[in-house]
Amino acid sequence: MSRLTIVANIKAKADKIDLVKSELLKLIDTTRAETGCINYNLHQDNDNPAHFLFYENWETRDLWQTHMNNKHLEDYMKATEGAVEEFVLNEMTEIDN
């Protein structure tokens, strides 16, 4: 089975950018240490600081699902409740040539 690529777009409310950013940063080290995580990279839009993007690669979808049910993501959701304007997640598969 091909590895799974996740592209997650998070748009913070204008007055909650710093809160959302600090909570997203807390996810990085814990997630990178998880079984199956190939990379977990956070980006912030140069023109719109409220827009964050995670680019992730996982060995399998099952291992990503385990990640999605971990406590640190639950903690993030509680900490940012009401602070995120929009969240769009895409599960993708790389097309090899």
N, C-alpha and C. Protein backbone atom coordinates (compact mmCIF):
# COMPACT_ATOMS: atom_id res chain seq x y z
N MET A 1 0.84 -1.20 0.00
CA MET A 1 0.00 0.00 0.00
C MET A 1 0.88 1.25 0.00
N SER A 2 0.47 2.25 -0.74
CA SER A 2 1.21 3.50 -0.81
C SER A 2 1.10 4.27 0.49
N ARG A 3 2.12 5.05 0.73
CA ARG A 3 2.06 5.89 1.91
C ARG A 3 0.97 6.94 1.71
N LEU A 4 0.53 7.50 2.82
CA LEU A 4 -0.54 8.49 2.81
C LEU A 4 0.03 9.88 3.02
N THR A 5 -0.36 10.80 2.17
CA THR A 5 0.00 12.20 2.33
C THR A 5 -1.22 12.96 2.83
N ILE A 6 -1.01 13.78 3.85
CA ILE A 6 -2.07 14.62 4.40
C ILE A 6 -1.69 16.07 4.19
N VAL A 7 -2.63 16.83 3.66
CA VAL A 7 -2.49 18.28 3.57
C VAL A 7 -3.64 18.87 4.38
N ALA A 8 -3.28 19.51 5.47
CA ALA A 8 -4.30 20.09 6.37
C ALA A 8 -4.15 21.60 6.37
N ASN A 9 -5.22 22.28 5.96
CA ASN A 9 -5.26 23.75 5.98
C ASN A 9 -6.06 24.21 7.17
N ILE A 10 -5.43 25.06 7.98
CA ILE A 10 -6.06 25.60 9.19
C ILE A 10 -6.05 27.11 9.06
N LYS A 11 -7.22 27.71 9.16
CA LYS A 11 -7.30 29.17 9.11
C LYS A 11 -7.82 29.66 10.46
N ALA A 12 -6.97 30.39 11.15
CA ALA A 12 -7.31 30.92 12.47
C ALA A 12 -8.14 32.19 12.33
N LYS A 13 -8.96 32.45 13.33
CA LYS A 13 -9.65 33.74 13.39
C LYS A 13 -8.58 34.82 13.58
N ALA A 14 -8.82 36.00 13.02
CA ALA A 14 -7.82 37.07 12.99
C ALA A 14 -7.26 37.40 14.37
N ASP A 15 -8.10 37.34 15.39
CA ASP A 15 -7.64 37.69 16.73
C ASP A 15 -7.10 36.49 17.51
N LYS A 16 -6.99 35.34 16.85
CA LYS A 16 -6.54 34.10 17.53
C LYS A 16 -5.32 33.48 16.86
N ILE A 17 -4.65 34.22 15.98
CA ILE A 17 -3.52 33.67 15.23
C ILE A 17 -2.43 33.15 16.17
N ASP A 18 -2.03 33.95 17.15
CA ASP A 18 -0.95 33.54 18.04
C ASP A 18 -1.32 32.31 18.86
N LEU A 19 -2.55 32.23 19.30
CA LEU A 19 -3.01 31.07 20.06
C LEU A 19 -2.95 29.81 19.20
N VAL A 20 -3.52 29.88 18.01
CA VAL A 20 -3.55 28.71 17.13
C VAL A 20 -2.12 28.29 16.77
N LYS A 21 -1.27 29.25 16.44
CA LYS A 21 0.12 28.92 16.09
C LYS A 21 0.83 28.23 17.25
N SER A 22 0.70 28.75 18.44
CA SER A 22 1.39 28.14 19.57
C SER A 22 0.88 26.73 19.84
N GLU A 23 -0.41 26.49 19.65
CA GLU A 23 -0.97 25.15 19.86
C GLU A 23 -0.55 24.19 18.74
N LEU A 24 -0.46 24.68 17.51
CA LEU A 24 0.01 23.84 16.41
C LEU A 24 1.48 23.45 16.62
N LEU A 25 2.29 24.38 17.08
CA LEU A 25 3.70 24.09 17.33
C LEU A 25 3.87 22.99 18.37
N LYS A 26 2.99 22.94 19.35
CA LYS A 26 3.05 21.91 20.39
C LYS A 26 2.87 20.50 19.83
N LEU A 27 2.21 20.38 18.68
CA LEU A 27 1.93 19.06 18.09
C LEU A 27 3.15 18.44 17.41
N ILE A 28 4.10 19.25 17.02
CA ILE A 28 5.15 18.78 16.10
C ILE A 28 6.03 17.67 16.69
N ASP A 29 6.69 17.92 17.80
CA ASP A 29 7.63 16.93 18.33
C ASP A 29 6.96 15.62 18.70
N THR A 30 5.79 15.71 19.33
CA THR A 30 5.07 14.51 19.73
C THR A 30 4.67 13.70 18.51
N THR A 31 4.15 14.38 17.49
CA THR A 31 3.70 13.69 16.29
C THR A 31 4.87 13.07 15.53
N ARG A 32 5.96 13.79 15.41
CA ARG A 32 7.13 13.26 14.68
C ARG A 32 7.68 11.99 15.33
N ALA A 33 7.44 11.83 16.62
CA ALA A 33 7.92 10.64 17.34
C ALA A 33 6.97 9.44 17.21
N GLU A 34 5.80 9.66 16.62
CA GLU A 34 4.81 8.58 16.50
C GLU A 34 5.22 7.55 15.45
N THR A 35 4.82 6.32 15.71
CA THR A 35 5.04 5.24 14.75
C THR A 35 4.34 5.57 13.44
N GLY A 36 5.08 5.45 12.35
CA GLY A 36 4.49 5.66 11.03
C GLY A 36 4.62 7.05 10.47
N CYS A 37 5.05 8.01 11.29
CA CYS A 37 5.19 9.38 10.80
C CYS A 37 6.50 9.51 10.03
N ILE A 38 6.38 9.86 8.76
CA ILE A 38 7.55 10.08 7.91
C ILE A 38 7.99 11.54 8.00
N ASN A 39 7.05 12.44 7.88
CA ASN A 39 7.33 13.86 8.10
C ASN A 39 6.04 14.56 8.52
N TYR A 40 6.22 15.66 9.23
CA TYR A 40 5.09 16.43 9.78
C TYR A 40 5.56 17.87 9.83
N ASN A 41 5.27 18.63 8.76
CA ASN A 41 5.82 19.96 8.59
C ASN A 41 4.74 21.03 8.61
N LEU A 42 4.94 22.02 9.46
CA LEU A 42 3.99 23.13 9.60
C LEU A 42 4.49 24.32 8.79
N HIS A 43 3.57 24.95 8.08
CA HIS A 43 3.87 26.14 7.28
C HIS A 43 2.88 27.24 7.65
N GLN A 44 3.32 28.49 7.47
CA GLN A 44 2.45 29.65 7.66
C GLN A 44 2.52 30.51 6.41
N ASP A 45 1.37 30.90 5.89
CA ASP A 45 1.29 31.69 4.66
C ASP A 45 2.00 33.03 4.83
N ASN A 46 2.83 33.39 3.85
CA ASN A 46 3.58 34.65 3.92
C ASN A 46 2.69 35.88 3.81
N ASP A 47 1.57 35.77 3.11
CA ASP A 47 0.68 36.92 2.92
C ASP A 47 -0.50 36.92 3.87
N ASN A 48 -0.84 35.77 4.41
CA ASN A 48 -1.98 35.66 5.33
C ASN A 48 -1.55 34.87 6.56
N PRO A 49 -1.10 35.55 7.60
CA PRO A 49 -0.57 34.85 8.78
C PRO A 49 -1.60 34.00 9.52
N ALA A 50 -2.86 34.14 9.19
CA ALA A 50 -3.90 33.32 9.82
C ALA A 50 -4.01 31.93 9.18
N HIS A 51 -3.33 31.73 8.05
CA HIS A 51 -3.42 30.47 7.30
C HIS A 51 -2.20 29.60 7.58
N PHE A 52 -2.46 28.44 8.16
CA PHE A 52 -1.42 27.45 8.45
C PHE A 52 -1.69 26.21 7.61
N LEU A 53 -0.60 25.50 7.31
CA LEU A 53 -0.74 24.27 6.54
C LEU A 53 0.21 23.22 7.11
N PHE A 54 -0.33 22.05 7.38
CA PHE A 54 0.50 20.90 7.73
C PHE A 54 0.64 20.04 6.49
N TYR A 55 1.89 19.68 6.17
CA TYR A 55 2.18 18.71 5.12
C TYR A 55 2.76 17.50 5.81
N GLU A 56 2.06 16.36 5.70
CA GLU A 56 2.42 15.17 6.45
C GLU A 56 2.50 13.97 5.53
N ASN A 57 3.37 13.05 5.86
CA ASN A 57 3.41 11.76 5.19
C ASN A 57 3.46 10.66 6.24
N TRP A 58 2.64 9.65 6.01
CA TRP A 58 2.50 8.52 6.94
C TRP A 58 2.73 7.23 6.20
N GLU A 59 3.30 6.25 6.90
CA GLU A 59 3.57 4.94 6.29
C GLU A 59 2.28 4.28 5.81
N THR A 60 1.20 4.39 6.63
CA THR A 60 -0.10 3.80 6.26
C THR A 60 -1.22 4.68 6.79
N ARG A 61 -2.40 4.50 6.22
CA ARG A 61 -3.58 5.24 6.69
C ARG A 61 -3.94 4.82 8.12
N ASP A 62 -3.77 3.53 8.45
CA ASP A 62 -4.08 3.07 9.81
C ASP A 62 -3.21 3.77 10.85
N LEU A 63 -1.93 3.95 10.54
CA LEU A 63 -1.05 4.64 11.50
C LEU A 63 -1.43 6.11 11.61
N TRP A 64 -1.87 6.73 10.52
CA TRP A 64 -2.35 8.12 10.59
C TRP A 64 -3.63 8.18 11.44
N GLN A 65 -4.51 7.21 11.28
CA GLN A 65 -5.74 7.18 12.07
C GLN A 65 -5.42 7.07 13.56
N THR A 66 -4.42 6.27 13.90
CA THR A 66 -3.98 6.18 15.30
C THR A 66 -3.55 7.56 15.79
N HIS A 67 -2.77 8.26 14.97
CA HIS A 67 -2.35 9.64 15.30
C HIS A 67 -3.57 10.54 15.54
N MET A 68 -4.57 10.43 14.68
CA MET A 68 -5.74 11.30 14.79
C MET A 68 -6.53 11.07 16.08
N ASN A 69 -6.36 9.92 16.70
CA ASN A 69 -7.07 9.61 17.94
C ASN A 69 -6.22 9.79 19.19
N ASN A 70 -5.02 10.35 19.04
CA ASN A 70 -4.14 10.54 20.19
C ASN A 70 -4.55 11.74 21.04
N LYS A 71 -4.12 11.70 22.29
CA LYS A 71 -4.51 12.73 23.26
C LYS A 71 -4.01 14.12 22.88
N HIS A 72 -2.83 14.23 22.31
CA HIS A 72 -2.31 15.56 22.00
C HIS A 72 -3.17 16.28 20.96
N LEU A 73 -3.82 15.55 20.08
CA LEU A 73 -4.75 16.20 19.15
C LEU A 73 -6.04 16.60 19.85
N GLU A 74 -6.48 15.78 20.77
CA GLU A 74 -7.66 16.13 21.58
C GLU A 74 -7.37 17.40 22.39
N ASP A 75 -6.18 17.49 22.96
CA ASP A 75 -5.79 18.68 23.72
C ASP A 75 -5.75 19.91 22.83
N TYR A 76 -5.23 19.75 21.61
CA TYR A 76 -5.20 20.86 20.65
C TYR A 76 -6.62 21.34 20.34
N MET A 77 -7.53 20.40 20.10
CA MET A 77 -8.92 20.76 19.78
C MET A 77 -9.57 21.55 20.91
N LYS A 78 -9.33 21.14 22.14
CA LYS A 78 -9.89 21.85 23.29
C LYS A 78 -9.29 23.26 23.41
N ALA A 79 -7.98 23.34 23.24
CA ALA A 79 -7.28 24.62 23.41
C ALA A 79 -7.66 25.64 22.34
N THR A 80 -8.02 25.17 21.15
CA THR A 80 -8.32 26.09 20.04
C THR A 80 -9.81 26.16 19.72
N GLU A 81 -10.63 25.61 20.58
CA GLU A 81 -12.08 25.66 20.34
C GLU A 81 -12.54 27.10 20.16
N GLY A 82 -13.22 27.37 19.05
CA GLY A 82 -13.71 28.71 18.75
C GLY A 82 -12.68 29.63 18.14
N ALA A 83 -11.43 29.16 17.97
CA ALA A 83 -10.36 30.01 17.45
C ALA A 83 -10.05 29.75 15.98
N VAL A 84 -10.58 28.66 15.45
CA VAL A 84 -10.30 28.29 14.06
C VAL A 84 -11.50 28.63 13.17
N GLU A 85 -11.22 29.40 12.14
CA GLU A 85 -12.26 29.83 11.20
C GLU A 85 -12.62 28.71 10.22
N GLU A 86 -11.58 28.01 9.75
CA GLU A 86 -11.80 26.98 8.73
C GLU A 86 -10.73 25.90 8.87
N PHE A 87 -11.14 24.65 8.65
CA PHE A 87 -10.22 23.51 8.67
C PHE A 87 -10.57 22.59 7.50
N VAL A 88 -9.62 22.38 6.60
CA VAL A 88 -9.83 21.50 5.46
C VAL A 88 -8.68 20.50 5.43
N LEU A 89 -9.04 19.21 5.41
CA LEU A 89 -8.03 18.16 5.40
C LEU A 89 -8.20 17.33 4.13
N ASN A 90 -7.09 17.10 3.44
CA ASN A 90 -7.11 16.27 2.24
C ASN A 90 -6.19 15.07 2.45
N GLU A 91 -6.75 13.88 2.21
CA GLU A 91 -5.96 12.66 2.20
C GLU A 91 -5.56 12.43 0.75
N MET A 92 -4.25 12.28 0.51
CA MET A 92 -3.76 12.21 -0.85
C MET A 92 -2.77 11.06 -1.03
N THR A 93 -2.65 10.59 -2.25
CA THR A 93 -1.69 9.56 -2.60
C THR A 93 -0.80 10.10 -3.71
N GLU A 94 0.51 9.97 -3.52
CA GLU A 94 1.45 10.42 -4.53
C GLU A 94 1.34 9.55 -5.77
N ILE A 95 1.37 10.20 -6.92
CA ILE A 95 1.31 9.49 -8.19
C ILE A 95 2.75 9.35 -8.70
N ASP A 96 3.19 8.11 -8.82
CA ASP A 96 4.55 7.85 -9.30
C ASP A 96 4.56 7.82 -10.82
N ASN A 97 5.61 8.35 -11.40
CA ASN A 97 5.76 8.31 -12.86
C ASN A 97 6.59 7.11 -13.26
